[in-house]
């Protein structure tokens, strides 16, 4: 059975639609609730820090009299809020502070030698790490004064966390007994209190998740099995299970060419190597039709090379066929003869390789054009829609094969007889582009506006003209059958596990 490659892969459109619809229906509400909870927690943390900062601003303003700092007023304010008695300030000693001390030695100077040994010694040097740890060590060793250090590099006093909790006790979150789900560390930076979240590795209790999943499924199945009227949640749940049931049980029809009265074109492209099935108008365009192409040309056998040289050069048109044996004797074999003429023979062999490559694409175009023409004949679609679909088929088909084969594909299609309006030349005239100057048929370059009339671009972009009904047999199940199916539908359970955890399909065993 032929596998059709879509722009997203090989998964059938109805299967991918059902899978993504199931993801949207089942997990959309859970994801929104989780994001809303994280947003509420973050907003509560912002409110807490904002209130603490505003309270600190208020204390600073209360310590000023006429815009100037008043020590007596400031001490009274600090005493009122319990901010005094935290220790005397540390005074800086005389002289310039030492840059290095006993606990923080000067790093070794890198070697400047321009030799391999010198570079190796320079790479092997161990230097102390830069950053906050180094500053803390120097402060603790007494080599850097904490008084003259900048606020960004100063060390928060041990009572900073207690001060922060005391100042934040009057915030809105504290008054409402809101507990933030994020563990934070309160530090002093740039003269302000900053709450930094503590990173913790995520942990998942798979047993609890499985139990919760099983409990939810049992409740849902009991409600679906009840004889009472279904609630809105049960109706949505039934819709979800019906979509899953349809995606997994419907049978897609494989239409044969000429089935159900659909007009069939007189072509057969099922076998690329059968010369008897090739139409004469196509057969005459390929000199080496049916000859071997699989191995590289230099690995052909003696007999295969002789056949290729007779077809490509000594064919009675380019050179007389009677001269081949004489040249073969002079070169002592076909391989030596091929080496001298490979620049003339290889293009013919490559052309045959491209023909074999595009042969299945021509067969698929035959089937698609016949089905589309049948839908047009039955009045299901109009002519514009039919031509849009065929033009889109040509573009997508060429997008899946190598660029060197595009010219061969168009040459074969143009040599064949099609229904009126369905040939490539008819579509080129309908869309208004020059069929001899076709842009690259690659989806990475965006919407192929050149292959459609400009008046239809908006409707094609909406997908209305390209949407085709799914040709499948499906029987809607009864409620009892649907409940039995839902009780063993592990696809939804596995997908639920993947949303709640970071596990992959291979790690889940249900």
Protein backbone atom coordinates (compact mmCIF):
# COMPACT_ATOMS: atom_id res chain seq x y z
CA UNK A 1 0.00 0.00 0.00
CA UNK A 2 1.41 3.39 -0.99
CA UNK A 3 2.31 5.76 1.83
CA UNK A 4 1.40 9.38 1.24
CA UNK A 5 3.79 11.96 2.69
CA UNK A 6 2.07 15.01 4.13
CA UNK A 7 3.86 18.20 5.17
CA UNK A 8 3.79 16.95 8.78
CA UNK A 9 4.90 13.38 8.05
CA UNK A 10 3.04 10.18 7.13
CA UNK A 11 0.28 10.24 9.76
CA UNK A 12 -3.20 10.36 8.25
CA UNK A 13 -4.95 13.76 8.51
CA UNK A 14 -7.94 12.39 10.44
CA UNK A 15 -5.65 10.60 12.93
CA UNK A 16 -3.56 13.70 13.52
CA UNK A 17 -6.68 15.84 13.81
CA UNK A 18 -8.19 13.46 16.39
CA UNK A 19 -4.95 13.30 18.36
CA UNK A 20 -4.51 17.06 18.56
CA UNK A 21 -8.22 17.57 19.26
CA UNK A 22 -7.96 15.09 22.11
CA UNK A 23 -4.95 16.95 23.49
CA UNK A 24 -6.87 20.23 23.33
CA UNK A 25 -10.03 18.84 24.96
CA UNK A 26 -8.48 16.67 27.65
CA UNK A 27 -5.48 18.68 28.73
CA UNK A 28 -6.43 22.26 27.90
CA UNK A 29 -8.40 22.78 31.10
CA UNK A 30 -5.71 21.17 33.28
CA UNK A 31 -2.95 23.27 31.73
CA UNK A 32 -4.98 26.47 32.16
CA UNK A 33 -5.64 25.68 35.82
CA UNK A 34 -1.96 24.98 36.45
CA UNK A 35 -0.85 28.19 34.74
CA UNK A 36 -3.48 30.19 36.63
CA UNK A 37 -2.24 28.79 39.95
CA UNK A 38 1.37 29.67 39.07
CA UNK A 39 0.26 33.15 38.01
CA UNK A 40 -1.66 33.71 41.25
CA UNK A 41 1.31 32.55 43.32
CA UNK A 42 3.66 34.84 41.41
CA UNK A 43 1.32 37.82 41.82
CA UNK A 44 1.07 37.13 45.56
CA UNK A 45 4.87 37.14 45.79
CA UNK A 46 5.06 40.42 43.86
CA UNK A 47 2.44 41.97 46.16
CA UNK A 48 4.38 40.81 49.21
CA UNK A 49 7.70 42.29 48.04
CA UNK A 50 6.01 45.49 46.84
CA UNK A 51 4.32 46.00 50.19
CA UNK A 52 7.62 45.41 52.02
CA UNK A 53 9.40 47.93 49.80
CA UNK A 54 6.64 50.50 50.29
CA UNK A 55 6.85 50.00 54.06
CA UNK A 56 10.61 50.55 53.96
CA UNK A 57 10.06 53.74 51.90
CA UNK A 58 7.59 54.92 54.51
CA UNK A 59 10.11 54.32 57.34
CA UNK A 60 12.78 56.28 55.45
CA UNK A 61 10.42 59.22 54.90
CA UNK A 62 9.41 59.18 58.55
CA UNK A 63 13.12 59.56 59.46
CA UNK A 64 13.37 62.81 57.50
CA UNK A 65 12.43 66.26 58.77
CA UNK A 66 12.10 68.88 56.10
CA UNK A 67 13.83 66.61 53.63
CA UNK A 68 16.92 66.11 55.84
CA UNK A 69 17.85 63.12 57.96
CA UNK A 70 17.13 63.65 61.71
CA UNK A 71 18.95 61.18 63.93
CA UNK A 72 16.58 61.52 66.91
CA UNK A 73 13.47 61.08 64.80
CA UNK A 74 15.06 58.21 62.89
CA UNK A 75 16.07 56.41 66.10
CA UNK A 76 12.56 56.84 67.47
CA UNK A 77 11.06 55.39 64.30
CA UNK A 78 13.51 52.51 64.31
CA UNK A 79 12.86 51.77 67.97
CA UNK A 80 9.10 51.85 67.36
CA UNK A 81 9.45 49.18 64.65
CA UNK A 82 12.09 47.12 66.50
CA UNK A 83 14.96 47.91 64.18
CA UNK A 84 17.53 49.05 66.80
CA UNK A 85 20.08 46.96 68.65
CA UNK A 86 21.40 45.09 65.63
CA UNK A 87 25.04 45.80 66.59
CA UNK A 88 27.47 48.67 66.20
CA UNK A 89 28.65 49.48 62.70
CA UNK A 90 32.06 48.21 61.72
CA UNK A 91 34.63 50.97 61.22
CA UNK A 92 37.24 50.82 58.50
CA UNK A 93 40.83 50.67 59.67
CA UNK A 94 43.52 53.12 58.66
CA UNK A 95 45.25 52.88 55.37
CA UNK A 96 44.31 51.23 52.12
CA UNK A 97 42.78 47.70 52.48
CA UNK A 98 44.96 44.84 51.39
CA UNK A 99 43.92 43.24 48.12
CA UNK A 100 45.10 39.75 49.06
CA UNK A 101 45.33 38.03 52.44
CA UNK A 102 46.35 34.70 53.99
CA UNK A 103 43.08 33.05 52.98
CA UNK A 104 43.03 34.58 49.51
CA UNK A 105 46.49 34.40 48.00
CA UNK A 106 47.55 36.20 44.86
CA UNK A 107 46.99 33.98 41.78
CA UNK A 108 49.99 32.74 39.88
CA UNK A 109 50.91 34.82 36.89
CA UNK A 110 50.17 33.10 33.58
CA UNK A 111 53.17 32.09 31.54
CA UNK A 112 53.99 34.32 28.58
CA UNK A 113 56.26 31.79 26.89
CA UNK A 114 55.48 31.32 23.22
CA UNK A 115 56.32 27.63 23.25
CA UNK A 116 54.18 24.51 23.46
CA UNK A 117 55.52 23.78 26.96
CA UNK A 118 54.74 27.33 28.09
CA UNK A 119 51.22 27.17 26.74
CA UNK A 120 50.72 23.82 28.47
CA UNK A 121 51.89 25.31 31.81
CA UNK A 122 49.54 28.28 31.33
CA UNK A 123 46.58 26.00 30.68
CA UNK A 124 47.45 23.87 33.72
CA UNK A 125 47.44 26.83 36.15
CA UNK A 126 44.68 26.78 38.77
CA UNK A 127 43.22 30.18 39.55
CA UNK A 128 40.73 31.05 42.31
CA UNK A 129 37.13 31.40 41.13
CA UNK A 130 35.79 34.88 40.60
CA UNK A 131 32.45 36.00 41.94
CA UNK A 132 30.59 36.36 45.17
CA UNK A 133 32.39 33.51 46.99
CA UNK A 134 35.75 35.22 46.56
CA UNK A 135 34.38 38.50 47.94
CA UNK A 136 32.81 36.74 50.93
CA UNK A 137 36.11 35.03 51.77
CA UNK A 138 37.96 38.34 51.66
CA UNK A 139 35.37 40.05 53.85
CA UNK A 140 35.51 37.26 56.42
CA UNK A 141 39.32 37.35 56.43
CA UNK A 142 39.30 41.09 57.16
CA UNK A 143 41.10 42.10 53.97
CA UNK A 144 38.11 44.08 52.64
CA UNK A 145 36.13 46.48 54.78
CA UNK A 146 32.38 45.81 54.74
CA UNK A 147 31.81 49.52 55.33
CA UNK A 148 33.45 50.69 52.12
CA UNK A 149 32.21 47.77 50.02
CA UNK A 150 29.47 48.61 47.54
CA UNK A 151 25.90 47.57 48.52
CA UNK A 152 25.78 45.07 45.66
CA UNK A 153 28.83 43.24 47.10
CA UNK A 154 28.04 43.61 50.79
CA UNK A 155 27.03 40.62 52.87
CA UNK A 156 23.51 40.62 54.29
CA UNK A 157 23.50 40.53 58.11
CA UNK A 158 22.28 37.37 59.80
CA UNK A 159 19.11 39.15 60.92
CA UNK A 160 18.14 40.09 57.35
CA UNK A 161 15.68 37.21 57.00
CA UNK A 162 14.06 38.04 60.37
CA UNK A 163 13.80 41.73 59.41
CA UNK A 164 12.23 40.82 56.10
CA UNK A 165 9.64 38.58 57.75
CA UNK A 166 8.88 41.26 60.33
CA UNK A 167 8.46 43.96 57.69
CA UNK A 168 6.32 41.71 55.50
CA UNK A 169 3.96 40.73 58.32
CA UNK A 170 1.62 43.58 57.45
CA UNK A 171 1.27 42.82 53.77
CA UNK A 172 -1.98 41.89 52.10
CA UNK A 173 -0.86 38.27 51.60
CA UNK A 174 0.01 37.87 55.29
CA UNK A 175 -3.28 39.40 56.46
CA UNK A 176 -5.19 36.98 54.26
CA UNK A 177 -3.15 33.96 55.42
CA UNK A 178 -1.90 33.32 51.88
CA UNK A 179 0.92 30.80 51.79
CA UNK A 180 3.16 31.19 48.77
CA UNK A 181 3.93 27.87 47.10
CA UNK A 182 7.45 29.05 46.26
CA UNK A 183 10.25 28.82 48.83
CA UNK A 184 12.35 32.00 48.79
CA UNK A 185 15.49 33.42 50.40
CA UNK A 186 15.34 37.06 51.58
CA UNK A 187 18.61 38.90 50.88
CA UNK A 188 19.77 42.52 50.86
CA UNK A 189 20.94 43.87 47.49
CA UNK A 190 21.36 47.50 46.45
CA UNK A 191 19.83 48.65 49.73
CA UNK A 192 16.53 46.81 49.19
CA UNK A 193 15.05 43.47 50.21
CA UNK A 194 14.92 40.93 47.38
CA UNK A 195 13.19 37.54 47.52
CA UNK A 196 15.01 34.97 45.40
CA UNK A 197 13.26 31.63 44.73
CA UNK A 198 15.07 28.50 45.79
CA UNK A 199 15.41 26.12 42.83
CA UNK A 200 14.33 22.58 43.58
CA UNK A 201 14.39 19.62 41.22
CA UNK A 202 10.88 18.52 40.17
CA UNK A 203 9.60 15.35 41.75
CA UNK A 204 6.72 13.19 40.54
CA UNK A 205 4.78 10.59 42.46
CA UNK A 206 3.81 8.23 39.67
CA UNK A 207 1.77 6.02 41.96
CA UNK A 208 -0.34 8.99 43.11
CA UNK A 209 -0.80 10.17 39.55
CA UNK A 210 -1.89 6.70 38.44
CA UNK A 211 -4.32 6.42 41.37
CA UNK A 212 -5.81 9.83 40.64
CA UNK A 213 -6.12 8.96 36.96
CA UNK A 214 -7.86 5.67 37.75
CA UNK A 215 -10.22 7.31 40.24
CA UNK A 216 -11.19 10.03 37.76
CA UNK A 217 -11.79 7.45 35.04
CA UNK A 218 -14.01 5.32 37.29
CA UNK A 219 -16.15 8.31 38.30
CA UNK A 220 -16.51 9.34 34.66
CA UNK A 221 -17.52 5.85 33.55
CA UNK A 222 -20.10 5.54 36.34
CA UNK A 223 -21.70 8.80 35.28
CA UNK A 224 -21.77 7.75 31.63
CA UNK A 225 -23.32 4.40 32.58
CA UNK A 226 -26.07 5.93 34.70
CA UNK A 227 -29.62 6.13 33.40
CA UNK A 228 -30.06 9.74 34.50
CA UNK A 229 -29.66 12.72 32.21
CA UNK A 230 -26.02 13.51 31.52
CA UNK A 231 -24.46 16.66 32.95
CA UNK A 232 -22.51 19.12 30.81
CA UNK A 233 -19.22 17.60 31.95
CA UNK A 234 -20.45 14.11 31.05
CA UNK A 235 -21.53 15.31 27.60
CA UNK A 236 -18.06 16.75 26.98
CA UNK A 237 -16.49 13.52 28.24
CA UNK A 238 -18.66 11.44 25.93
CA UNK A 239 -17.64 13.66 23.01
CA UNK A 240 -13.98 13.11 23.87
CA UNK A 241 -14.39 9.33 24.01
CA UNK A 242 -16.37 9.31 20.75
CA UNK A 243 -13.52 11.15 18.98
CA UNK A 244 -11.01 8.66 20.35
CA UNK A 245 -13.26 5.73 19.39
CA UNK A 246 -13.69 7.05 15.86
CA UNK A 247 -9.97 7.65 15.40
CA UNK A 248 -9.14 4.11 16.48
CA UNK A 249 -11.97 2.07 14.93
CA UNK A 250 -13.02 3.70 11.65
CA UNK A 251 -11.99 1.86 8.47
CA UNK A 252 -10.66 3.94 5.59
CA UNK A 253 -11.63 2.87 2.13
CA UNK A 254 -8.99 2.25 -0.51
CA UNK A 255 -10.62 3.31 -3.75
CA UNK A 256 -9.51 1.44 -6.86
CA UNK A 257 -9.17 3.26 -10.15
CA UNK A 258 -12.43 3.11 -12.09
CA UNK A 259 -14.44 2.05 -9.01
CA UNK A 260 -18.01 3.33 -8.52
CA UNK A 261 -18.28 4.62 -12.08
CA UNK A 262 -15.35 7.06 -11.83
CA UNK A 263 -13.92 7.77 -15.30
CA UNK A 264 -10.46 6.26 -15.75
CA UNK A 265 -7.61 7.43 -17.95
CA UNK A 266 -6.03 4.82 -20.19
CA UNK A 267 -2.67 4.63 -18.39
CA UNK A 268 -0.90 2.19 -16.09
CA UNK A 269 2.18 3.38 -14.17
CA UNK A 270 2.27 0.62 -11.57
CA UNK A 271 5.58 -0.88 -12.81
CA UNK A 272 8.39 1.50 -13.71
CA UNK A 273 10.43 -1.24 -15.41
CA UNK A 274 7.65 -2.76 -17.55
CA UNK A 275 8.18 -1.29 -21.00
CA UNK A 276 4.94 -2.78 -22.35
CA UNK A 277 2.80 -0.72 -19.93
CA UNK A 278 4.50 2.59 -20.72
CA UNK A 279 2.51 4.85 -23.07
CA UNK A 280 4.27 5.38 -26.45
CA UNK A 281 4.37 9.16 -26.04
CA UNK A 282 6.36 8.69 -22.82
CA UNK A 283 8.37 5.63 -23.85
CA UNK A 284 9.98 7.36 -26.84
CA UNK A 285 11.43 10.11 -24.66
CA UNK A 286 13.72 7.80 -22.67
CA UNK A 287 16.51 6.02 -24.53
CA UNK A 288 17.44 3.63 -21.72
CA UNK A 289 13.91 2.69 -20.66
CA UNK A 290 13.95 -0.42 -18.47
CA UNK A 291 17.74 -0.80 -18.18
CA UNK A 292 19.43 -1.29 -14.80
CA UNK A 293 20.03 1.90 -12.76
CA UNK A 294 20.50 0.78 -9.14
CA UNK A 295 24.31 0.55 -8.73
CA UNK A 296 26.65 3.42 -9.64
CA UNK A 297 27.52 3.47 -13.31
CA UNK A 298 31.09 2.35 -12.69
CA UNK A 299 29.84 -0.85 -11.00
CA UNK A 300 27.73 -2.08 -13.94
CA UNK A 301 28.57 -5.49 -15.32
CA UNK A 302 30.06 -5.97 -18.80
CA UNK A 303 26.69 -6.94 -20.27
CA UNK A 304 24.86 -4.01 -18.62
CA UNK A 305 27.41 -1.50 -19.90
CA UNK A 306 27.13 -2.88 -23.43
CA UNK A 307 23.36 -2.45 -23.38
CA UNK A 308 23.68 1.12 -22.10
CA UNK A 309 26.29 2.06 -24.75
CA UNK A 310 24.16 0.63 -27.51
CA UNK A 311 21.08 2.53 -26.31
CA UNK A 312 22.83 5.81 -25.49
CA UNK A 313 25.36 6.19 -28.34
CA UNK A 314 25.34 3.44 -30.96
CA UNK A 315 21.58 3.58 -31.52
CA UNK A 316 21.58 4.20 -35.27
CA UNK A 317 20.85 7.91 -34.71
CA UNK A 318 23.87 9.32 -32.90
CA UNK A 319 26.30 6.69 -34.21
CA UNK A 320 25.83 3.62 -36.46
CA UNK A 321 25.05 0.48 -34.51
CA UNK A 322 27.42 -1.59 -36.68
CA UNK A 323 30.47 0.33 -35.36
CA UNK A 324 29.93 -0.78 -31.77
CA UNK A 325 31.66 -4.16 -32.07
CA UNK A 326 34.73 -2.59 -33.68
CA UNK A 327 35.07 0.00 -30.94
CA UNK A 328 34.50 -2.67 -28.30
CA UNK A 329 37.44 -4.70 -29.68
CA UNK A 330 39.69 -1.64 -29.86
CA UNK A 331 39.04 -0.77 -26.19
CA UNK A 332 39.24 -4.42 -25.08
CA UNK A 333 35.91 -4.39 -23.28
CA UNK A 334 32.89 -2.26 -22.43
CA UNK A 335 34.36 -0.89 -19.17
CA UNK A 336 37.35 0.69 -20.91
CA UNK A 337 35.06 1.95 -23.64
CA UNK A 338 32.66 3.42 -21.02
CA UNK A 339 35.54 5.21 -19.26
CA UNK A 340 36.37 7.10 -22.43
CA UNK A 341 32.73 8.04 -23.14
CA UNK A 342 31.25 8.37 -19.63
CA UNK A 343 30.51 12.09 -20.10
CA UNK A 344 28.16 11.14 -22.96
CA UNK A 345 26.63 8.06 -21.32
CA UNK A 346 26.13 9.25 -17.71
CA UNK A 347 23.52 11.97 -18.55
CA UNK A 348 21.38 9.30 -20.27
CA UNK A 349 21.70 6.97 -17.25
CA UNK A 350 20.84 9.78 -14.79
CA UNK A 351 17.79 10.66 -16.86
CA UNK A 352 16.58 7.07 -16.59
CA UNK A 353 17.17 7.16 -12.81
CA UNK A 354 14.97 10.26 -12.54
CA UNK A 355 12.25 8.57 -14.59
CA UNK A 356 12.17 5.58 -12.23
CA UNK A 357 12.04 8.00 -9.28
CA UNK A 358 9.01 9.96 -10.51
CA UNK A 359 7.06 6.96 -11.87
CA UNK A 360 5.12 6.37 -8.57
CA UNK A 361 4.31 10.10 -8.44
CA UNK A 362 2.75 9.89 -11.90
CA UNK A 363 0.64 6.92 -10.74
CA UNK A 364 -0.55 8.89 -7.70
CA UNK A 365 -1.43 11.88 -9.91
CA UNK A 366 -3.52 9.61 -12.14
CA UNK A 367 -5.49 8.32 -9.15
CA UNK A 368 -5.94 11.81 -7.65
CA UNK A 369 -7.03 13.43 -10.93
CA UNK A 370 -9.57 10.65 -11.58
CA UNK A 371 -11.09 10.97 -8.08
CA UNK A 372 -11.15 14.79 -8.29
CA UNK A 373 -12.71 14.71 -11.75
CA UNK A 374 -15.31 12.24 -10.44
CA UNK A 375 -16.21 14.62 -7.57
CA UNK A 376 -16.54 17.44 -10.12
CA UNK A 377 -18.76 15.29 -12.35
CA UNK A 378 -21.05 14.43 -9.40
CA UNK A 379 -21.38 18.13 -8.49
CA UNK A 380 -19.65 17.86 -5.11
CA UNK A 381 -17.07 20.53 -6.03
CA UNK A 382 -16.78 23.26 -8.64
CA UNK A 383 -14.12 23.59 -11.35
CA UNK A 384 -12.00 26.11 -9.42
CA UNK A 385 -11.85 23.81 -6.39
CA UNK A 386 -10.91 20.83 -8.57
CA UNK A 387 -8.09 22.71 -10.28
CA UNK A 388 -6.84 24.14 -6.97
CA UNK A 389 -6.59 20.65 -5.53
CA UNK A 390 -4.72 19.26 -8.55
CA UNK A 391 -2.34 22.23 -8.60
CA UNK A 392 -1.72 21.78 -4.89
CA UNK A 393 -1.12 18.05 -5.44
CA UNK A 394 1.55 18.77 -8.06
CA UNK A 395 3.27 21.25 -5.74
CA UNK A 396 3.29 18.89 -2.73
CA UNK A 397 4.36 15.91 -4.82
CA UNK A 398 7.36 17.77 -6.21
CA UNK A 399 8.17 19.00 -2.71
CA UNK A 400 8.84 15.40 -1.65
CA UNK A 401 11.23 14.38 -4.44
CA UNK A 402 14.69 15.64 -5.34
CA UNK A 403 14.91 18.83 -7.33
CA UNK A 404 16.69 17.20 -10.28
CA UNK A 405 13.59 15.06 -10.96
CA UNK A 406 11.13 17.98 -11.22
CA UNK A 407 11.87 18.55 -14.91
CA UNK A 408 11.32 14.85 -15.72
CA UNK A 409 8.02 14.84 -13.79
CA UNK A 410 6.71 17.83 -15.75
CA UNK A 411 7.95 16.39 -19.05
CA UNK A 412 6.03 13.13 -18.51
CA UNK A 413 2.87 14.90 -17.29
CA UNK A 414 2.91 17.25 -20.29
CA UNK A 415 3.27 14.33 -22.74
CA UNK A 416 0.13 12.58 -21.40
CA UNK A 417 -3.55 13.16 -22.22
CA UNK A 418 -5.68 14.36 -19.28
CA UNK A 419 -9.25 15.41 -18.66
CA UNK A 420 -9.97 18.88 -19.97
CA UNK A 421 -8.60 21.43 -17.48
CA UNK A 422 -6.52 18.94 -15.48
CA UNK A 423 -3.23 18.93 -17.38
CA UNK A 424 -0.30 20.93 -16.09
CA UNK A 425 -0.50 23.28 -19.07
CA UNK A 426 -4.23 23.88 -18.46
CA UNK A 427 -3.53 24.70 -14.81
CA UNK A 428 -0.69 27.06 -15.82
CA UNK A 429 -3.02 28.93 -18.18
CA UNK A 430 -5.75 29.04 -15.50
CA UNK A 431 -3.39 30.39 -12.82
CA UNK A 432 -1.56 32.81 -15.12
CA UNK A 433 2.05 31.59 -14.71
CA UNK A 434 4.49 30.69 -17.46
CA UNK A 435 4.76 26.86 -17.58
CA UNK A 436 8.29 27.06 -19.01
CA UNK A 437 9.55 29.17 -16.08
CA UNK A 438 8.30 27.45 -12.91
CA UNK A 439 9.62 28.61 -9.52
CA UNK A 440 11.07 26.09 -7.09
CA UNK A 441 8.35 23.80 -5.70
CA UNK A 442 9.54 23.82 -2.09
CA UNK A 443 7.25 24.43 0.89
CA UNK A 444 10.10 26.05 2.85
CA UNK A 445 9.70 29.09 0.61
CA UNK A 446 6.14 29.68 1.81
CA UNK A 447 2.76 29.83 0.08
CA UNK A 448 3.06 29.00 -3.68
CA UNK A 449 0.95 31.88 -4.90
CA UNK A 450 2.27 31.49 -8.43
CA UNK A 451 0.40 28.20 -8.97
CA UNK A 452 -3.05 29.64 -8.05
CA UNK A 453 -5.02 32.61 -9.41
CA UNK A 454 -4.66 35.67 -7.20
CA UNK A 455 -8.44 35.92 -6.76
CA UNK A 456 -8.43 32.61 -4.85
CA UNK A 457 -5.44 33.22 -2.55
CA UNK A 458 -7.49 34.28 0.48
CA UNK A 459 -9.87 31.31 0.30
CA UNK A 460 -7.01 28.86 -0.31
CA UNK A 461 -5.15 30.31 2.67
CA UNK A 462 -8.18 29.62 4.87
CA UNK A 463 -8.07 25.97 3.82
CA UNK A 464 -11.65 25.92 2.55
CA UNK A 465 -10.86 24.75 -0.98
CA UNK A 466 -8.27 22.14 0.06
CA UNK A 467 -10.37 20.39 2.72
CA UNK A 468 -11.53 16.94 1.60
CA UNK A 469 -14.05 14.68 3.30
CA UNK A 470 -12.63 11.56 4.94
CA UNK A 471 -13.62 8.47 2.97
CA UNK A 472 -14.14 5.98 5.82
CA UNK A 473 -16.69 3.59 7.32
CA UNK A 474 -17.64 4.30 10.94
CA UNK A 475 -20.46 3.04 13.17
CA UNK A 476 -21.40 5.18 16.17
CA UNK A 477 -21.28 2.94 19.28
CA UNK A 478 -23.98 2.69 21.92
CA UNK A 479 -23.42 3.97 25.43
CA UNK A 480 -22.56 0.52 26.80
CA UNK A 481 -20.04 -0.15 24.04
CA UNK A 482 -18.55 3.33 24.49
CA UNK A 483 -18.10 2.75 28.23
CA UNK A 484 -16.37 -0.59 27.58
CA UNK A 485 -14.07 1.08 25.08
CA UNK A 486 -13.27 3.98 27.43
CA UNK A 487 -12.38 1.61 30.27
CA UNK A 488 -9.52 0.12 28.23
CA UNK A 489 -8.53 3.18 26.17
CA UNK A 490 -4.95 3.54 27.33
CA UNK A 491 -4.03 6.15 24.74
CA UNK A 492 -5.75 8.89 26.76
CA UNK A 493 -4.15 7.60 29.98
CA UNK A 494 -0.66 7.61 28.48
CA UNK A 495 -1.15 11.10 27.07
CA UNK A 496 -2.33 12.26 30.51
CA UNK A 497 0.85 10.86 32.05
CA UNK A 498 2.99 12.74 29.55
CA UNK A 499 1.28 16.05 30.36
CA UNK A 500 1.57 15.59 34.13
CA UNK A 501 5.18 14.35 34.04
CA UNK A 502 8.25 14.56 31.83
CA UNK A 503 8.14 10.86 30.93
CA UNK A 504 8.22 9.56 27.39
CA UNK A 505 6.02 6.83 25.92
CA UNK A 506 8.74 4.21 26.37
CA UNK A 507 8.89 4.89 30.14
CA UNK A 508 5.14 4.39 30.79
CA UNK A 509 3.76 0.90 31.38
CA UNK A 510 -0.02 0.62 31.85
